[in-house]
Amino acid sequence: MEKIIDLNKTVFELCSDDPAVKDILADLGFTDITKPGMLQTAGRFMTIPKGAKLKKIDMETIKKKFTDLGYAVK
């Protein structure tokens, strides 16, 4: 089964669908995601593009990381 990252979904939805996403995002610089409760609160409305803008992380870097790990970015 192909792994898909839908950038329109919230971080909470993505991590619920695939728990590995949380570790990948943490590696990319979204360190707050590992704090207790963050996924349940901010993660429910935050998307990866919104978070990237907030953290000043390049979207191309994020897309490349996911494609390198076998994900299809939507």
N, C-alpha and C. Protein backbone atom coordinates (compact mmCIF):
# COMPACT_ATOMS: atom_id res chain seq x y z
N MET A 1 0.84 -1.19 0.00
CA MET A 1 0.00 0.00 0.00
C MET A 1 0.88 1.26 0.00
N GLU A 2 0.56 2.18 -0.88
CA GLU A 2 1.33 3.42 -0.97
C GLU A 2 0.99 4.34 0.20
N LYS A 3 2.02 4.92 0.76
CA LYS A 3 1.83 5.89 1.85
C LYS A 3 1.65 7.27 1.23
N ILE A 4 0.60 7.95 1.66
CA ILE A 4 0.28 9.27 1.09
C ILE A 4 0.24 10.32 2.19
N ILE A 5 0.86 11.46 1.91
CA ILE A 5 0.78 12.62 2.80
C ILE A 5 -0.08 13.66 2.09
N ASP A 6 -1.25 13.91 2.65
CA ASP A 6 -2.17 14.91 2.10
C ASP A 6 -1.95 16.21 2.88
N LEU A 7 -1.37 17.20 2.23
CA LEU A 7 -1.02 18.45 2.90
C LEU A 7 -2.24 19.28 3.31
N ASN A 8 -3.42 18.86 2.88
CA ASN A 8 -4.64 19.56 3.29
C ASN A 8 -5.18 19.02 4.61
N LYS A 9 -4.71 17.85 5.02
CA LYS A 9 -5.17 17.27 6.29
C LYS A 9 -4.41 17.90 7.45
N THR A 10 -5.03 17.86 8.62
CA THR A 10 -4.35 18.39 9.80
C THR A 10 -3.26 17.43 10.24
N VAL A 11 -2.33 17.95 11.02
CA VAL A 11 -1.24 17.13 11.56
C VAL A 11 -1.82 16.01 12.41
N PHE A 12 -2.87 16.30 13.15
CA PHE A 12 -3.53 15.28 13.97
C PHE A 12 -4.04 14.13 13.12
N GLU A 13 -4.71 14.45 12.00
CA GLU A 13 -5.24 13.42 11.11
C GLU A 13 -4.11 12.58 10.51
N LEU A 14 -3.05 13.26 10.06
CA LEU A 14 -1.92 12.55 9.45
C LEU A 14 -1.26 11.60 10.44
N CYS A 15 -1.06 12.07 11.67
CA CYS A 15 -0.41 11.24 12.69
C CYS A 15 -1.33 10.11 13.16
N SER A 16 -2.63 10.34 13.12
CA SER A 16 -3.58 9.28 13.48
C SER A 16 -3.57 8.19 12.42
N ASP A 17 -3.47 8.59 11.15
CA ASP A 17 -3.44 7.63 10.04
C ASP A 17 -2.12 6.86 10.01
N ASP A 18 -1.02 7.54 10.33
CA ASP A 18 0.32 6.93 10.27
C ASP A 18 1.19 7.53 11.38
N PRO A 19 1.35 6.81 12.49
CA PRO A 19 2.12 7.33 13.64
C PRO A 19 3.57 7.69 13.30
N ALA A 20 4.14 7.14 12.25
CA ALA A 20 5.52 7.45 11.86
C ALA A 20 5.66 8.91 11.43
N VAL A 21 4.57 9.52 10.99
CA VAL A 21 4.60 10.92 10.53
C VAL A 21 5.07 11.84 11.66
N LYS A 22 4.66 11.55 12.88
CA LYS A 22 5.04 12.38 14.03
C LYS A 22 6.56 12.45 14.17
N ASP A 23 7.24 11.31 14.07
CA ASP A 23 8.70 11.28 14.19
C ASP A 23 9.37 11.99 13.02
N ILE A 24 8.81 11.82 11.83
CA ILE A 24 9.38 12.48 10.64
C ILE A 24 9.28 13.99 10.80
N LEU A 25 8.12 14.47 11.23
CA LEU A 25 7.94 15.91 11.42
C LEU A 25 8.86 16.44 12.52
N ALA A 26 9.03 15.68 13.59
CA ALA A 26 9.94 16.09 14.66
C ALA A 26 11.36 16.21 14.13
N ASP A 27 11.78 15.26 13.28
CA ASP A 27 13.12 15.31 12.67
C ASP A 27 13.30 16.54 11.78
N LEU A 28 12.21 16.97 11.16
CA LEU A 28 12.26 18.12 10.26
C LEU A 28 12.30 19.46 11.00
N GLY A 29 12.07 19.43 12.31
CA GLY A 29 12.12 20.68 13.07
C GLY A 29 10.84 21.04 13.78
N PHE A 30 9.80 20.23 13.60
CA PHE A 30 8.54 20.46 14.30
C PHE A 30 8.62 19.80 15.68
N THR A 31 9.53 20.28 16.51
CA THR A 31 9.81 19.64 17.80
C THR A 31 8.65 19.75 18.78
N ASP A 32 7.81 20.76 18.63
CA ASP A 32 6.67 20.93 19.55
C ASP A 32 5.69 19.77 19.47
N ILE A 33 5.69 19.06 18.35
CA ILE A 33 4.75 17.96 18.15
C ILE A 33 4.97 16.83 19.16
N THR A 34 6.17 16.76 19.71
CA THR A 34 6.48 15.69 20.67
C THR A 34 6.06 16.04 22.09
N LYS A 35 5.70 17.29 22.32
CA LYS A 35 5.26 17.70 23.66
C LYS A 35 3.88 17.12 23.96
N PRO A 36 3.69 16.67 25.18
CA PRO A 36 2.38 16.09 25.54
C PRO A 36 1.24 17.08 25.29
N GLY A 37 0.21 16.62 24.64
CA GLY A 37 -0.97 17.45 24.40
C GLY A 37 -0.93 18.30 23.15
N MET A 38 0.23 18.54 22.59
CA MET A 38 0.32 19.42 21.40
C MET A 38 -0.43 18.84 20.20
N LEU A 39 -0.29 17.54 20.00
CA LEU A 39 -0.95 16.89 18.87
C LEU A 39 -2.47 16.97 19.05
N GLN A 40 -2.93 16.85 20.29
CA GLN A 40 -4.36 16.88 20.58
C GLN A 40 -4.95 18.29 20.48
N THR A 41 -4.12 19.31 20.66
CA THR A 41 -4.63 20.68 20.65
C THR A 41 -4.29 21.36 19.33
N ALA A 42 -3.09 21.85 19.20
CA ALA A 42 -2.69 22.57 17.98
C ALA A 42 -2.75 21.67 16.75
N GLY A 43 -2.45 20.39 16.94
CA GLY A 43 -2.45 19.45 15.81
C GLY A 43 -3.79 19.27 15.15
N ARG A 44 -4.86 19.61 15.88
CA ARG A 44 -6.21 19.43 15.33
C ARG A 44 -6.58 20.49 14.29
N PHE A 45 -5.86 21.63 14.29
CA PHE A 45 -6.16 22.65 13.28
C PHE A 45 -4.95 23.01 12.42
N MET A 46 -3.77 22.56 12.83
CA MET A 46 -2.54 22.90 12.12
C MET A 46 -2.30 21.92 10.97
N THR A 47 -2.01 22.47 9.79
CA THR A 47 -1.59 21.64 8.67
C THR A 47 -0.07 21.76 8.53
N ILE A 48 0.52 20.88 7.76
CA ILE A 48 1.98 20.95 7.57
C ILE A 48 2.38 22.29 6.93
N PRO A 49 1.70 22.75 5.86
CA PRO A 49 2.09 24.06 5.29
C PRO A 49 1.99 25.22 6.28
N LYS A 50 0.94 25.24 7.12
CA LYS A 50 0.81 26.31 8.12
C LYS A 50 1.95 26.23 9.13
N GLY A 51 2.24 25.02 9.58
CA GLY A 51 3.32 24.83 10.54
C GLY A 51 4.67 25.19 9.97
N ALA A 52 4.87 24.86 8.69
CA ALA A 52 6.14 25.17 8.03
C ALA A 52 6.35 26.67 7.96
N LYS A 53 5.27 27.39 7.65
CA LYS A 53 5.35 28.85 7.58
C LYS A 53 5.69 29.42 8.96
N LEU A 54 5.02 28.91 9.98
CA LEU A 54 5.23 29.36 11.35
C LEU A 54 6.66 29.09 11.82
N LYS A 55 7.18 27.92 11.50
CA LYS A 55 8.52 27.50 11.93
C LYS A 55 9.62 27.92 10.95
N LYS A 56 9.20 28.52 9.81
CA LYS A 56 10.15 28.93 8.76
C LYS A 56 10.96 27.74 8.23
N ILE A 57 10.23 26.65 7.94
CA ILE A 57 10.83 25.46 7.35
C ILE A 57 10.36 25.40 5.90
N ASP A 58 11.30 25.23 4.98
CA ASP A 58 11.00 25.21 3.56
C ASP A 58 10.11 24.02 3.20
N MET A 59 9.01 24.27 2.49
CA MET A 59 8.08 23.20 2.10
C MET A 59 8.76 22.19 1.17
N GLU A 60 9.67 22.64 0.34
CA GLU A 60 10.36 21.71 -0.55
C GLU A 60 11.20 20.71 0.24
N THR A 61 11.79 21.16 1.34
CA THR A 61 12.57 20.28 2.21
C THR A 61 11.65 19.21 2.80
N ILE A 62 10.47 19.63 3.23
CA ILE A 62 9.50 18.71 3.82
C ILE A 62 9.04 17.69 2.78
N LYS A 63 8.68 18.18 1.60
CA LYS A 63 8.22 17.28 0.54
C LYS A 63 9.30 16.28 0.16
N LYS A 64 10.54 16.75 0.06
CA LYS A 64 11.65 15.87 -0.31
C LYS A 64 11.86 14.78 0.74
N LYS A 65 11.79 15.15 2.01
CA LYS A 65 11.97 14.19 3.10
C LYS A 65 10.91 13.08 3.01
N PHE A 66 9.66 13.46 2.79
CA PHE A 66 8.60 12.46 2.71
C PHE A 66 8.73 11.59 1.46
N THR A 67 9.08 12.19 0.32
CA THR A 67 9.24 11.37 -0.88
C THR A 67 10.45 10.44 -0.75
N ASP A 68 11.52 10.92 -0.11
CA ASP A 68 12.69 10.06 0.12
C ASP A 68 12.32 8.85 0.99
N LEU A 69 11.35 9.02 1.86
CA LEU A 69 10.92 7.94 2.75
C LEU A 69 9.79 7.10 2.16
N GLY A 70 9.50 7.33 0.88
CA GLY A 70 8.51 6.49 0.19
C GLY A 70 7.07 6.98 0.24
N TYR A 71 6.86 8.22 0.62
CA TYR A 71 5.53 8.78 0.66
C TYR A 71 5.22 9.50 -0.65
N ALA A 72 3.95 9.49 -1.02
CA ALA A 72 3.48 10.32 -2.13
C ALA A 72 2.89 11.57 -1.51
N VAL A 73 3.36 12.74 -1.92
CA VAL A 73 2.88 14.00 -1.35
C VAL A 73 1.74 14.52 -2.22
N LYS A 74 0.62 14.77 -1.58
CA LYS A 74 -0.58 15.22 -2.30
C LYS A 74 -0.88 16.67 -1.95
